[in-house]
Amino acid sequence: MIIVTTETISGKALQTLGLVSGSTVQSKNAFKDMGAGFRSIVGGEVGSYTKMLAEAREVAIGRMIEKAEQMGADAVVCVRFSSSSVMQGAAEILATGTAVKFA
């Protein structure tokens, strides 16, 4: 499955199948959340959250790909990510794109 942020794939004619998306909500345990709170006081990267969000992006992409495969897609173009805070210490990651088939 080809995944790109562009509207086209060089050298390929595309047939649009439709919108696909995948999402996940992730949180850290209370101890790591307290550690992140301390880190926010002194500044710098909060490694546990960076890792959590990277893992969440992979889950969201995987779910998006599953939906594209169910539609018979060869690729997903115009892929975008968004995130939102669901509650303190939890974030939703959403991956969206357009499923396409090579014409």
C-alpha atoms as a PDB file:
ATOM      1  CA  MET A   1       0.000   0.000   0.000  1.00  0.00           C
ATOM      2  CA  ILE A   2       1.456   3.340  -1.063  1.00  0.00           C
ATOM      3  CA  ILE A   3       0.797   6.162   1.407  1.00  0.00           C
ATOM      4  CA  VAL A   4       1.572   9.740   0.320  1.00  0.00           C
ATOM      5  CA  THR A   5       0.717  13.268   1.381  1.00  0.00           C
ATOM      6  CA  THR A   6       0.579  14.446  -2.235  1.00  0.00           C
ATOM      7  CA  GLU A   7      -2.511  14.506  -4.458  1.00  0.00           C
ATOM      8  CA  THR A   8      -0.901  12.349  -7.148  1.00  0.00           C
ATOM      9  CA  ILE A   9       1.568   9.517  -7.507  1.00  0.00           C
ATOM     10  CA  SER A  10       4.119  10.117 -10.232  1.00  0.00           C
ATOM     11  CA  GLY A  11       3.461   8.005 -13.313  1.00  0.00           C
ATOM     12  CA  LYS A  12       0.133   6.621 -12.060  1.00  0.00           C
ATOM     13  CA  ALA A  13      -3.396   7.363 -13.216  1.00  0.00           C
ATOM     14  CA  LEU A  14      -5.694   7.248 -10.191  1.00  0.00           C
ATOM     15  CA  GLN A  15      -9.330   6.327  -9.710  1.00  0.00           C
ATOM     16  CA  THR A  16     -10.796   7.796  -6.512  1.00  0.00           C
ATOM     17  CA  LEU A  17     -12.527   5.302  -4.230  1.00  0.00           C
ATOM     18  CA  GLY A  18     -13.321   7.560  -1.286  1.00  0.00           C
ATOM     19  CA  LEU A  19     -12.337   8.912   2.099  1.00  0.00           C
ATOM     20  CA  VAL A  20     -10.579   6.638   4.575  1.00  0.00           C
ATOM     21  CA  SER A  21      -9.600   7.364   8.149  1.00  0.00           C
ATOM     22  CA  GLY A  22      -8.191   5.709  11.216  1.00  0.00           C
ATOM     23  CA  SER A  23      -7.934   6.958  14.765  1.00  0.00           C
ATOM     24  CA  THR A  24      -6.887   5.994  18.245  1.00  0.00           C
ATOM     25  CA  VAL A  25      -7.018   7.558  21.697  1.00  0.00           C
ATOM     26  CA  GLN A  26      -3.920   6.993  23.806  1.00  0.00           C
ATOM     27  CA  SER A  27      -2.983   7.877  27.371  1.00  0.00           C
ATOM     28  CA  LYS A  28      -0.062   7.359  29.713  1.00  0.00           C
ATOM     29  CA  ASN A  29      -0.230   5.810  33.152  1.00  0.00           C
ATOM     30  CA  ALA A  30      -0.439   8.071  36.193  1.00  0.00           C
ATOM     31  CA  PHE A  31       3.258   7.723  37.129  1.00  0.00           C
ATOM     32  CA  LYS A  32       4.491   8.702  33.672  1.00  0.00           C
ATOM     33  CA  ASP A  33       1.926  11.503  33.600  1.00  0.00           C
ATOM     34  CA  MET A  34       3.333  12.876  36.881  1.00  0.00           C
ATOM     35  CA  GLY A  35       6.843  12.655  35.432  1.00  0.00           C
ATOM     36  CA  ALA A  36       5.681  14.565  32.371  1.00  0.00           C
ATOM     37  CA  GLY A  37       4.197  17.219  34.663  1.00  0.00           C
ATOM     38  CA  PHE A  38       7.542  17.680  36.376  1.00  0.00           C
ATOM     39  CA  ARG A  39       9.251  17.861  32.986  1.00  0.00           C
ATOM     40  CA  SER A  40       6.899  20.655  31.909  1.00  0.00           C
ATOM     41  CA  ILE A  41       8.124  22.755  34.843  1.00  0.00           C
ATOM     42  CA  VAL A  42      11.792  22.597  33.854  1.00  0.00           C
ATOM     43  CA  GLY A  43      11.238  22.491  30.089  1.00  0.00           C
ATOM     44  CA  GLY A  44      12.432  20.191  27.348  1.00  0.00           C
ATOM     45  CA  GLU A  45      11.006  17.273  25.448  1.00  0.00           C
ATOM     46  CA  VAL A  46       8.608  14.963  27.250  1.00  0.00           C
ATOM     47  CA  GLY A  47       9.949  11.686  25.917  1.00  0.00           C
ATOM     48  CA  SER A  48       7.135   9.458  27.151  1.00  0.00           C
ATOM     49  CA  TYR A  49       4.550  11.559  25.298  1.00  0.00           C
ATOM     50  CA  THR A  50       6.692  11.759  22.160  1.00  0.00           C
ATOM     51  CA  LYS A  51       6.867   7.961  22.113  1.00  0.00           C
ATOM     52  CA  MET A  52       3.144   7.625  22.865  1.00  0.00           C
ATOM     53  CA  LEU A  53       2.177   9.927  19.987  1.00  0.00           C
ATOM     54  CA  ALA A  54       4.528   8.168  17.548  1.00  0.00           C
ATOM     55  CA  GLU A  55       2.927   4.838  18.455  1.00  0.00           C
ATOM     56  CA  ALA A  56      -0.549   6.378  18.134  1.00  0.00           C
ATOM     57  CA  ARG A  57       0.250   7.660  14.622  1.00  0.00           C
ATOM     58  CA  GLU A  58       1.276   4.140  13.583  1.00  0.00           C
ATOM     59  CA  VAL A  59      -1.974   2.684  14.959  1.00  0.00           C
ATOM     60  CA  ALA A  60      -4.041   5.348  13.178  1.00  0.00           C
ATOM     61  CA  ILE A  61      -2.197   4.751   9.881  1.00  0.00           C
ATOM     62  CA  GLY A  62      -2.713   0.995  10.244  1.00  0.00           C
ATOM     63  CA  ARG A  63      -6.451   1.437  10.759  1.00  0.00           C
ATOM     64  CA  MET A  64      -6.657   3.785   7.785  1.00  0.00           C
ATOM     65  CA  ILE A  65      -4.820   1.250   5.601  1.00  0.00           C
ATOM     66  CA  GLU A  66      -7.186  -1.542   6.710  1.00  0.00           C
ATOM     67  CA  LYS A  67     -10.166   0.509   5.510  1.00  0.00           C
ATOM     68  CA  ALA A  68      -8.429   1.312   2.217  1.00  0.00           C
ATOM     69  CA  GLU A  69      -7.663  -2.383   1.656  1.00  0.00           C
ATOM     70  CA  GLN A  70     -11.321  -3.256   2.292  1.00  0.00           C
ATOM     71  CA  MET A  71     -12.224  -0.833  -0.518  1.00  0.00           C
ATOM     72  CA  GLY A  72      -9.716  -2.478  -2.872  1.00  0.00           C
ATOM     73  CA  ALA A  73      -7.325   0.484  -2.877  1.00  0.00           C
ATOM     74  CA  ASP A  74      -3.773   0.401  -4.172  1.00  0.00           C
ATOM     75  CA  ALA A  75      -2.790   3.603  -2.371  1.00  0.00           C
ATOM     76  CA  VAL A  76      -3.926   6.429  -0.113  1.00  0.00           C
ATOM     77  CA  VAL A  77      -3.192   9.981  -1.248  1.00  0.00           C
ATOM     78  CA  CYS A  78      -3.549  13.358   0.479  1.00  0.00           C
ATOM     79  CA  VAL A  79      -2.819  11.812   3.885  1.00  0.00           C
ATOM     80  CA  ARG A  80      -3.180  14.226   6.797  1.00  0.00           C
ATOM     81  CA  PHE A  81      -2.910  13.893  10.554  1.00  0.00           C
ATOM     82  CA  SER A  82      -4.707  15.734  13.304  1.00  0.00           C
ATOM     83  CA  SER A  83      -4.665  15.439  17.051  1.00  0.00           C
ATOM     84  CA  SER A  84      -6.819  16.621  19.873  1.00  0.00           C
ATOM     85  CA  SER A  85      -6.813  16.398  23.622  1.00  0.00           C
ATOM     86  CA  VAL A  86      -9.655  14.181  24.799  1.00  0.00           C
ATOM     87  CA  MET A  87      -8.958  14.618  28.507  1.00  0.00           C
ATOM     88  CA  GLN A  88      -5.940  15.424  30.620  1.00  0.00           C
ATOM     89  CA  GLY A  89      -3.195  12.986  29.678  1.00  0.00           C
ATOM     90  CA  ALA A  90      -5.058  11.474  26.697  1.00  0.00           C
ATOM     91  CA  ALA A  91      -4.911  12.423  23.029  1.00  0.00           C
ATOM     92  CA  GLU A  92      -6.688  11.310  19.876  1.00  0.00           C
ATOM     93  CA  ILE A  93      -4.668  10.927  16.702  1.00  0.00           C
ATOM     94  CA  LEU A  94      -6.607  10.873  13.430  1.00  0.00           C
ATOM     95  CA  ALA A  95      -5.184   9.900  10.027  1.00  0.00           C
ATOM     96  CA  THR A  96      -7.268  10.699   6.938  1.00  0.00           C
ATOM     97  CA  GLY A  97      -6.726  10.349   3.225  1.00  0.00           C
ATOM     98  CA  THR A  98      -8.283   9.436  -0.097  1.00  0.00           C
ATOM     99  CA  ALA A  99      -8.247   5.777  -1.123  1.00  0.00           C
ATOM    100  CA  VAL A 100      -7.370   5.325  -4.798  1.00  0.00           C
ATOM    101  CA  LYS A 101      -6.971   2.497  -7.271  1.00  0.00           C
ATOM    102  CA  PHE A 102      -4.458   2.557 -10.135  1.00  0.00           C
ATOM    103  CA  ALA A 103      -6.356   3.045 -13.394  1.00  0.00           C
END
